[in-house]
C-alpha atoms as a PDB file:
ATOM      1  CA  UNK A   1     101.151 119.629  76.559  1.00  0.00           C
ATOM      2  CA  UNK A   2      98.627 117.011  77.844  1.00  0.00           C
ATOM      3  CA  UNK A   3      99.539 113.513  76.909  1.00  0.00           C
ATOM      4  CA  UNK A   4      96.822 111.062  76.291  1.00  0.00           C
ATOM      5  CA  UNK A   5      97.382 107.422  75.940  1.00  0.00           C
ATOM      6  CA  UNK A   6      94.550 105.546  74.192  1.00  0.00           C
ATOM      7  CA  UNK A   7      93.581 102.768  72.468  1.00  0.00           C
ATOM      8  CA  UNK A   8      91.729 103.537  68.984  1.00  0.00           C
ATOM      9  CA  UNK A   9      88.969 100.609  69.828  1.00  0.00           C
ATOM     10  CA  UNK A  10      88.213 101.915  73.259  1.00  0.00           C
ATOM     11  CA  UNK A  11      84.947 103.594  73.453  1.00  0.00           C
ATOM     12  CA  UNK A  12      85.881 105.402  76.785  1.00  0.00           C
ATOM     13  CA  UNK A  13      88.908 106.853  75.077  1.00  0.00           C
ATOM     14  CA  UNK A  14      86.813 108.200  72.027  1.00  0.00           C
ATOM     15  CA  UNK A  15      84.558 109.687  74.659  1.00  0.00           C
ATOM     16  CA  UNK A  16      87.441 111.253  76.371  1.00  0.00           C
ATOM     17  CA  UNK A  17      88.921 112.643  73.398  1.00  0.00           C
ATOM     18  CA  UNK A  18      85.488 114.245  72.345  1.00  0.00           C
ATOM     19  CA  UNK A  19      85.287 115.857  75.778  1.00  0.00           C
ATOM     20  CA  UNK A  20      88.772 117.264  75.546  1.00  0.00           C
ATOM     21  CA  UNK A  21      87.880 118.653  71.948  1.00  0.00           C
ATOM     22  CA  UNK A  22      84.817 120.138  73.355  1.00  0.00           C
ATOM     23  CA  UNK A  23      86.581 121.852  75.923  1.00  0.00           C
ATOM     24  CA  UNK A  24      89.300 122.932  73.374  1.00  0.00           C
ATOM     25  CA  UNK A  25      92.129 121.361  75.369  1.00  0.00           C
ATOM     26  CA  UNK A  26      95.209 120.971  73.260  1.00  0.00           C
ATOM     27  CA  UNK A  27      96.614 117.291  73.626  1.00  0.00           C
ATOM     28  CA  UNK A  28      98.938 114.736  71.773  1.00  0.00           C
ATOM     29  CA  UNK A  29      97.515 111.037  71.621  1.00  0.00           C
ATOM     30  CA  UNK A  30      99.822 108.072  72.049  1.00  0.00           C
ATOM     31  CA  UNK A  31      98.875 104.354  71.319  1.00  0.00           C
ATOM     32  CA  UNK A  32      98.824 102.697  74.797  1.00  0.00           C
ATOM     33  CA  UNK A  33      99.495  99.195  73.380  1.00  0.00           C
ATOM     34  CA  UNK A  34     102.408 100.170  71.250  1.00  0.00           C
ATOM     35  CA  UNK A  35     103.841 103.015  73.346  1.00  0.00           C
ATOM     36  CA  UNK A  36     102.759 102.412  77.156  1.00  0.00           C
ATOM     37  CA  UNK A  37     103.636 105.195  79.359  1.00  0.00           C
ATOM     38  CA  UNK A  38     107.266 105.318  80.933  1.00  0.00           C
ATOM     39  CA  UNK A  39     108.161 104.177  84.216  1.00  0.00           C
ATOM     40  CA  UNK A  40     108.384 107.695  85.334  1.00  0.00           C
ATOM     41  CA  UNK A  41     105.137 108.829  83.822  1.00  0.00           C
ATOM     42  CA  UNK A  42     103.551 105.777  85.568  1.00  0.00           C
ATOM     43  CA  UNK A  43     105.080 106.605  88.827  1.00  0.00           C
ATOM     44  CA  UNK A  44     103.921 110.253  88.491  1.00  0.00           C
ATOM     45  CA  UNK A  45     100.490 109.156  87.806  1.00  0.00           C
ATOM     46  CA  UNK A  46     100.499 107.052  90.859  1.00  0.00           C
ATOM     47  CA  UNK A  47     101.363 109.978  92.790  1.00  0.00           C
ATOM     48  CA  UNK A  48      98.179 111.621  91.458  1.00  0.00           C
ATOM     49  CA  UNK A  49      96.222 108.363  92.676  1.00  0.00           C
ATOM     50  CA  UNK A  50      97.531 108.575  96.135  1.00  0.00           C
ATOM     51  CA  UNK A  51      99.567 105.611  95.492  1.00  0.00           C
ATOM     52  CA  UNK A  52      96.794 103.445  94.718  1.00  0.00           C
ATOM     53  CA  UNK A  53      98.371 100.558  92.456  1.00  0.00           C
ATOM     54  CA  UNK A  54      94.942  98.992  91.591  1.00  0.00           C
ATOM     55  CA  UNK A  55      93.776 102.075  89.841  1.00  0.00           C
ATOM     56  CA  UNK A  56      96.551 101.798  87.378  1.00  0.00           C
ATOM     57  CA  UNK A  57      95.335  98.766  85.973  1.00  0.00           C
ATOM     58  CA  UNK A  58      92.675  97.811  83.345  1.00  0.00           C
ATOM     59  CA  UNK A  59      91.104  95.340  85.325  1.00  0.00           C
ATOM     60  CA  UNK A  60      88.395  94.522  82.933  1.00  0.00           C
ATOM     61  CA  UNK A  61      90.958  93.562  80.369  1.00  0.00           C
ATOM     62  CA  UNK A  62      91.860  90.125  78.994  1.00  0.00           C
ATOM     63  CA  UNK A  63      95.331  90.465  79.877  1.00  0.00           C
ATOM     64  CA  UNK A  64      94.606  91.249  83.408  1.00  0.00           C
ATOM     65  CA  UNK A  65      92.603  88.019  83.535  1.00  0.00           C
ATOM     66  CA  UNK A  66      94.942  85.745  81.611  1.00  0.00           C
ATOM     67  CA  UNK A  67      98.132  87.000  83.839  1.00  0.00           C
ATOM     68  CA  UNK A  68      96.083  86.363  87.084  1.00  0.00           C
ATOM     69  CA  UNK A  69      96.928  89.594  88.581  1.00  0.00           C
ATOM     70  CA  UNK A  70      93.517  89.935  90.335  1.00  0.00           C
ATOM     71  CA  UNK A  71      95.431  86.990  92.745  1.00  0.00           C
ATOM     72  CA  UNK A  72      98.633  88.892  93.081  1.00  0.00           C
ATOM     73  CA  UNK A  73      98.055  92.697  92.960  1.00  0.00           C
ATOM     74  CA  UNK A  74      97.725  92.731  96.886  1.00  0.00           C
ATOM     75  CA  UNK A  75     101.385  91.396  97.164  1.00  0.00           C
ATOM     76  CA  UNK A  76     102.693  93.776  94.525  1.00  0.00           C
ATOM     77  CA  UNK A  77     105.110  96.578  95.317  1.00  0.00           C
ATOM     78  CA  UNK A  78     104.708  99.739  93.489  1.00  0.00           C
ATOM     79  CA  UNK A  79     108.030  98.959  91.538  1.00  0.00           C
ATOM     80  CA  UNK A  80     106.888  95.682  90.339  1.00  0.00           C
ATOM     81  CA  UNK A  81     103.504  96.937  89.343  1.00  0.00           C
ATOM     82  CA  UNK A  82     105.270 100.022  87.313  1.00  0.00           C
ATOM     83  CA  UNK A  83     107.798  97.585  85.918  1.00  0.00           C
ATOM     84  CA  UNK A  84     104.858  95.345  84.495  1.00  0.00           C
ATOM     85  CA  UNK A  85     102.617  98.092  83.262  1.00  0.00           C
ATOM     86  CA  UNK A  86     105.644  99.725  81.744  1.00  0.00           C
ATOM     87  CA  UNK A  87     105.960  96.792  79.402  1.00  0.00           C
ATOM     88  CA  UNK A  88     102.283  95.982  78.470  1.00  0.00           C
ATOM     89  CA  UNK A  89     100.041  98.628  77.953  1.00  0.00           C
ATOM     90  CA  UNK A  90      97.065  96.615  77.497  1.00  0.00           C
ATOM     91  CA  UNK A  91      97.096  96.252  81.466  1.00  0.00           C
ATOM     92  CA  UNK A  92      96.637  99.837  81.815  1.00  0.00           C
ATOM     93  CA  UNK A  93      93.511 101.515  82.619  1.00  0.00           C
ATOM     94  CA  UNK A  94      92.560 103.905  79.666  1.00  0.00           C
ATOM     95  CA  UNK A  95      92.473 106.556  78.780  1.00  0.00           C
ATOM     96  CA  UNK A  96      95.613 107.255  80.766  1.00  0.00           C
ATOM     97  CA  UNK A  97      95.829 111.264  80.757  1.00  0.00           C
ATOM     98  CA  UNK A  98      98.722 112.822  82.004  1.00  0.00           C
ATOM     99  CA  UNK A  99      99.096 116.700  82.583  1.00  0.00           C
ATOM    100  CA  UNK A 100     101.886 118.947  84.151  1.00  0.00           C
ATOM    101  CA  UNK A 101      99.873 119.195  87.542  1.00  0.00           C
ATOM    102  CA  UNK A 102      97.344 116.230  87.280  1.00  0.00           C
ATOM    103  CA  UNK A 103      96.478 112.806  86.093  1.00  0.00           C
ATOM    104  CA  UNK A 104      93.548 110.963  85.349  1.00  0.00           C
ATOM    105  CA  UNK A 105      92.676 107.091  84.451  1.00  0.00           C
ATOM    106  CA  UNK A 106      89.594 106.156  83.019  1.00  0.00           C
ATOM    107  CA  UNK A 107      86.704 108.688  82.568  1.00  0.00           C
ATOM    108  CA  UNK A 108      85.046 110.112  85.671  1.00  0.00           C
ATOM    109  CA  UNK A 109      83.633 113.095  84.635  1.00  0.00           C
ATOM    110  CA  UNK A 110      83.277 114.306  88.323  1.00  0.00           C
ATOM    111  CA  UNK A 111      86.988 114.259  88.556  1.00  0.00           C
ATOM    112  CA  UNK A 112      87.491 116.049  85.134  1.00  0.00           C
ATOM    113  CA  UNK A 113      85.427 118.882  86.629  1.00  0.00           C
ATOM    114  CA  UNK A 114      88.175 119.422  89.149  1.00  0.00           C
ATOM    115  CA  UNK A 115      90.967 119.705  86.833  1.00  0.00           C
ATOM    116  CA  UNK A 116      92.576 122.872  85.909  1.00  0.00           C
ATOM    117  CA  UNK A 117      93.410 122.184  82.195  1.00  0.00           C
ATOM    118  CA  UNK A 118      95.186 125.347  81.471  1.00  0.00           C
END
C-alpha cells in the first residue's frame, strides 16, 4: 500500500491526491503534522532522493524559516536531519509519498510519469 503524508490545507497535496485517484492508485493518507513519517521511512525516502537532504525539507514553510534551517542545513548530517524531521512534520516537503520501490516528495509530474505504481 502506498503511503501519502499530506496536509489538508495544502493545494499541492490536494492535486497529488486527485492525480492518484485519476490513476486509480490505492493509497492511505496520513496527516504529516500530527503523524510525521518515521525515521525509517525518512531514511528510505532519502535513499530515493540520492541522499539529498535538502529535498526532504519544506523550504517554503514558516517553521523552516523560523528555525533558521537555511543557515544550518549544509552542516547537518543525515542523522541530524532525519531526527529533526521525524519530530516536526511541518518541516517535511509534501506530499511525501512512499511506495514499496519508490518515493516522491512534492509534485513534479515528470517524476510521476517514471513511476511503476503497481
